[in-house]
Amino acid sequence: MPDVNWNKAVWGNSYHWIDAGEEWSTGWGGSEAQWFGAIYPRLHRFLPARRILEIAPGFGRWTRYLLPLCEDYVGIDLSDKCTAACQKRFAGARHAQFITNDGRSLEAAKDQSFDLVFSFDSLVHAEYDVLAFYIPQIIDKLSSAGVAFIHHSNLLTYNRTIGQPHGRGLTVSADAVADLVYRASGTVLVQKIVNWGGEHLIDCLSLFAHKNTFPSIQPVRHTNPLFMAEAKLIKDFQSPYSKLPEPQLTTDAAA
């Protein structure tokens, strides 16, 4: 199982990070197309945000899109290698800090202060014991109007019948995460159960908040077996725009 030690060994040592994580966005035609086509539309109601906490930013694949949308950013990762890479990559972002943790603690982030807690394509490799540490802390970190958007495994629902595709956590499901949220005085807003790299619904996108933030909301859960088809549409029809070079401003001497 991908426990904390496994994650530290892989992301801090054996994984080479040749493309800084961009390799995982090829199915969408790149991270820019994936962000604007698949992730941002699910978060647009909550962005920009005054303060953002990102859990497991890796080499900053999503950080580059979050930083312009906040006044204060904290990224916490269990890998010193990842922390150092982000510190170097985003050295010019004075409102950002990157911290290494033990894979379980968010103590370095201030309680009741973040308008968005975000993690995508990272905590899918976490098992239930890690999420049991993280989710109560995440809810403690949220501001009075804050929300958390967490991408995690749903592999427990298959009860080990399909192996362990893509290194997903074996002991995590949408139900298990929802239970952790409610037991930590939170409320689930939306859970989207999706396929990843195949037909099996091995992942879940959970959006949640403190129970007092949305006291009368009814949670929504969708099953989306076409998430990879959505990725292909983004790659085929949206990603060409994100590949265009940025226009260069020039001075027209004849003007």
Foldseek 3Di string as FASTA:
>chain_A
DLELVNVQCVLQPVPDCPVQPQVQLVLQQTLVLCCVQPPCVVCVVLWLWAEEEEEACRLPSPVVVNLVTYQAYEYEYQHPVNQVNNCVVVVVRPRYHYYHDSLADPVVADFQATQEYEYDPPQQLYALVRLLRVQLRVQRRHHLQHKYKYKYWQQCVVVCPPPQPPNGHNHDRPVSNQVSQVVSQKHWAEKEQEDDPDQDRTMIITMIYHCNNCVPHDHYYYYDSCVSVSSNCSSVPPSVVVPDDDDDDDDDPVD
